[in-house]
């Protein structure tokens, strides 16, 4: 059993910042990629950012310069720092991890709402 627990979502004004965390636990011996996705109402889930086991990050174009991703491999935790938030960033944010067997696990999602 693998569990992902996300935290850090909430309501923030435009231009504000939030930091999401996702901690993985359970039968995990190693993790390849860790990532964040989001899904807004009526839209498909989309990749926001991911980071490899070696720490190399990839960010979607629509968050470059505003968001950053990092991981603490010792804690099996991935972070998403979100700055200069816009109303269009409003979505449920999901973390995901991929293990060496290429199986992917998902968190339950955390709501981020950007509104004045």
C-alpha atoms as a PDB file:
ATOM      1  CA  UNK A   1       0.000   0.000   0.000  1.00  0.00           C
ATOM      2  CA  UNK A   2       1.225   3.438  -0.961  1.00  0.00           C
ATOM      3  CA  UNK A   3      -0.351   6.601   0.334  1.00  0.00           C
ATOM      4  CA  UNK A   4       0.146  10.175  -0.783  1.00  0.00           C
ATOM      5  CA  UNK A   5      -0.971  12.932   1.542  1.00  0.00           C
ATOM      6  CA  UNK A   6      -1.194  16.437   0.144  1.00  0.00           C
ATOM      7  CA  UNK A   7      -1.416  19.648   2.107  1.00  0.00           C
ATOM      8  CA  UNK A   8      -1.109  23.387   1.647  1.00  0.00           C
ATOM      9  CA  UNK A   9      -4.056  24.232  -0.554  1.00  0.00           C
ATOM     10  CA  UNK A  10      -6.520  26.975   0.211  1.00  0.00           C
ATOM     11  CA  UNK A  11      -7.898  30.350  -0.787  1.00  0.00           C
ATOM     12  CA  UNK A  12      -5.483  33.083  -1.807  1.00  0.00           C
ATOM     13  CA  UNK A  13      -5.809  36.450  -3.487  1.00  0.00           C
ATOM     14  CA  UNK A  14      -4.407  37.072  -6.961  1.00  0.00           C
ATOM     15  CA  UNK A  15      -0.699  37.708  -6.745  1.00  0.00           C
ATOM     16  CA  UNK A  16      -0.399  35.637  -3.598  1.00  0.00           C
ATOM     17  CA  UNK A  17       1.549  32.485  -2.903  1.00  0.00           C
ATOM     18  CA  UNK A  18       0.971  28.978  -1.629  1.00  0.00           C
ATOM     19  CA  UNK A  19       3.214  26.007  -1.018  1.00  0.00           C
ATOM     20  CA  UNK A  20       1.865  22.528  -1.584  1.00  0.00           C
ATOM     21  CA  UNK A  21       3.411  19.468   0.002  1.00  0.00           C
ATOM     22  CA  UNK A  22       2.914  15.813  -0.768  1.00  0.00           C
ATOM     23  CA  UNK A  23       4.327  13.087   1.432  1.00  0.00           C
ATOM     24  CA  UNK A  24       4.459   9.499   0.227  1.00  0.00           C
ATOM     25  CA  UNK A  25       4.393   6.594   2.640  1.00  0.00           C
ATOM     26  CA  UNK A  26       3.913   2.857   2.624  1.00  0.00           C
ATOM     27  CA  UNK A  27       5.670   0.142   0.685  1.00  0.00           C
ATOM     28  CA  UNK A  28       8.054   2.406  -1.161  1.00  0.00           C
ATOM     29  CA  UNK A  29      11.628   1.380  -1.743  1.00  0.00           C
ATOM     30  CA  UNK A  30      12.436   4.094  -4.220  1.00  0.00           C
ATOM     31  CA  UNK A  31      10.676   6.748  -6.271  1.00  0.00           C
ATOM     32  CA  UNK A  32      11.454   7.793  -9.793  1.00  0.00           C
ATOM     33  CA  UNK A  33       9.567  10.909 -10.807  1.00  0.00           C
ATOM     34  CA  UNK A  34       7.351  13.000  -8.549  1.00  0.00           C
ATOM     35  CA  UNK A  35       4.941  15.492  -9.983  1.00  0.00           C
ATOM     36  CA  UNK A  36       2.014  17.817  -9.651  1.00  0.00           C
ATOM     37  CA  UNK A  37      -1.051  17.914 -11.878  1.00  0.00           C
ATOM     38  CA  UNK A  38      -4.144  20.041 -11.750  1.00  0.00           C
ATOM     39  CA  UNK A  39      -7.700  19.835 -12.925  1.00  0.00           C
ATOM     40  CA  UNK A  40     -10.023  22.789 -13.199  1.00  0.00           C
ATOM     41  CA  UNK A  41     -13.816  22.351 -13.463  1.00  0.00           C
ATOM     42  CA  UNK A  42     -14.781  21.190 -16.923  1.00  0.00           C
ATOM     43  CA  UNK A  43     -11.189  20.720 -18.010  1.00  0.00           C
ATOM     44  CA  UNK A  44      -8.845  17.794 -18.357  1.00  0.00           C
ATOM     45  CA  UNK A  45      -6.152  17.076 -15.839  1.00  0.00           C
ATOM     46  CA  UNK A  46      -2.866  18.661 -16.902  1.00  0.00           C
ATOM     47  CA  UNK A  47       0.732  18.379 -15.850  1.00  0.00           C
ATOM     48  CA  UNK A  48       2.012  21.337 -13.870  1.00  0.00           C
ATOM     49  CA  UNK A  49       5.507  20.192 -12.935  1.00  0.00           C
ATOM     50  CA  UNK A  50       7.530  17.100 -12.294  1.00  0.00           C
ATOM     51  CA  UNK A  51      10.960  16.317 -10.945  1.00  0.00           C
ATOM     52  CA  UNK A  52      13.169  13.314 -11.586  1.00  0.00           C
ATOM     53  CA  UNK A  53      14.944  11.184  -9.021  1.00  0.00           C
ATOM     54  CA  UNK A  54      18.062  13.172  -9.858  1.00  0.00           C
ATOM     55  CA  UNK A  55      16.333  16.441  -9.055  1.00  0.00           C
ATOM     56  CA  UNK A  56      15.820  17.726 -12.574  1.00  0.00           C
ATOM     57  CA  UNK A  57      12.623  19.776 -12.758  1.00  0.00           C
ATOM     58  CA  UNK A  58      10.274  20.329 -15.664  1.00  0.00           C
ATOM     59  CA  UNK A  59       7.612  23.009 -15.554  1.00  0.00           C
ATOM     60  CA  UNK A  60       4.645  23.593 -17.819  1.00  0.00           C
ATOM     61  CA  UNK A  61       4.949  26.761 -19.845  1.00  0.00           C
ATOM     62  CA  UNK A  62       1.955  28.342 -18.142  1.00  0.00           C
ATOM     63  CA  UNK A  63       3.712  28.270 -14.728  1.00  0.00           C
ATOM     64  CA  UNK A  64       7.297  28.974 -15.703  1.00  0.00           C
ATOM     65  CA  UNK A  65       8.695  31.892 -13.778  1.00  0.00           C
ATOM     66  CA  UNK A  66       5.968  31.596 -11.115  1.00  0.00           C
ATOM     67  CA  UNK A  67       6.050  28.033  -9.778  1.00  0.00           C
ATOM     68  CA  UNK A  68       8.895  25.815  -8.702  1.00  0.00           C
ATOM     69  CA  UNK A  69       9.082  22.167  -7.738  1.00  0.00           C
ATOM     70  CA  UNK A  70      11.452  20.488  -5.333  1.00  0.00           C
ATOM     71  CA  UNK A  71      11.734  17.194  -3.499  1.00  0.00           C
ATOM     72  CA  UNK A  72      13.192  15.816  -0.330  1.00  0.00           C
ATOM     73  CA  UNK A  73      14.003  12.246  -1.246  1.00  0.00           C
ATOM     74  CA  UNK A  74      14.884  11.315   2.326  1.00  0.00           C
ATOM     75  CA  UNK A  75      11.326  12.218   3.311  1.00  0.00           C
ATOM     76  CA  UNK A  76       9.644  10.992   0.117  1.00  0.00           C
ATOM     77  CA  UNK A  77       8.130  14.450  -0.153  1.00  0.00           C
ATOM     78  CA  UNK A  78       7.580  16.747  -3.102  1.00  0.00           C
ATOM     79  CA  UNK A  79       6.791  20.449  -2.894  1.00  0.00           C
ATOM     80  CA  UNK A  80       5.205  22.935  -5.246  1.00  0.00           C
ATOM     81  CA  UNK A  81       5.927  26.578  -4.528  1.00  0.00           C
ATOM     82  CA  UNK A  82       3.361  28.718  -6.281  1.00  0.00           C
ATOM     83  CA  UNK A  83       3.971  32.458  -6.539  1.00  0.00           C
ATOM     84  CA  UNK A  84       2.162  35.231  -8.390  1.00  0.00           C
ATOM     85  CA  UNK A  85      -0.995  33.165  -8.448  1.00  0.00           C
ATOM     86  CA  UNK A  86      -3.690  33.994 -10.965  1.00  0.00           C
ATOM     87  CA  UNK A  87      -7.409  33.197 -10.967  1.00  0.00           C
ATOM     88  CA  UNK A  88      -6.794  30.755 -13.804  1.00  0.00           C
ATOM     89  CA  UNK A  89      -4.591  28.716 -11.447  1.00  0.00           C
ATOM     90  CA  UNK A  90      -7.734  27.744  -9.565  1.00  0.00           C
ATOM     91  CA  UNK A  91      -8.003  23.953  -9.657  1.00  0.00           C
ATOM     92  CA  UNK A  92      -7.670  20.787  -7.670  1.00  0.00           C
ATOM     93  CA  UNK A  93      -3.987  19.964  -7.492  1.00  0.00           C
ATOM     94  CA  UNK A  94      -2.901  16.327  -7.390  1.00  0.00           C
ATOM     95  CA  UNK A  95       0.494  14.914  -6.688  1.00  0.00           C
ATOM     96  CA  UNK A  96       1.701  11.729  -8.321  1.00  0.00           C
ATOM     97  CA  UNK A  97       4.718   9.501  -7.966  1.00  0.00           C
ATOM     98  CA  UNK A  98       6.115   6.852 -10.268  1.00  0.00           C
ATOM     99  CA  UNK A  99       8.096   3.975  -8.839  1.00  0.00           C
ATOM    100  CA  UNK A 100      10.683   1.812 -10.648  1.00  0.00           C
ATOM    101  CA  UNK A 101       8.010  -0.675 -11.783  1.00  0.00           C
ATOM    102  CA  UNK A 102       6.491   2.331 -13.640  1.00  0.00           C
ATOM    103  CA  UNK A 103       3.376   2.168 -11.518  1.00  0.00           C
ATOM    104  CA  UNK A 104       1.921   5.591 -10.697  1.00  0.00           C
ATOM    105  CA  UNK A 105       0.192   6.543  -7.485  1.00  0.00           C
ATOM    106  CA  UNK A 106      -2.020   9.582  -6.990  1.00  0.00           C
ATOM    107  CA  UNK A 107      -2.897  11.753  -4.064  1.00  0.00           C
ATOM    108  CA  UNK A 108      -6.458  12.687  -3.175  1.00  0.00           C
ATOM    109  CA  UNK A 109      -6.097  16.257  -4.403  1.00  0.00           C
ATOM    110  CA  UNK A 110      -6.057  19.614  -2.686  1.00  0.00           C
ATOM    111  CA  UNK A 111      -8.134  22.609  -3.728  1.00  0.00           C
ATOM    112  CA  UNK A 112      -6.408  25.836  -4.684  1.00  0.00           C
ATOM    113  CA  UNK A 113      -8.672  28.834  -5.203  1.00  0.00           C
ATOM    114  CA  UNK A 114      -7.313  32.161  -6.380  1.00  0.00           C
ATOM    115  CA  UNK A 115      -9.875  34.882  -5.925  1.00  0.00           C
ATOM    116  CA  UNK A 116     -10.272  38.357  -4.552  1.00  0.00           C
END
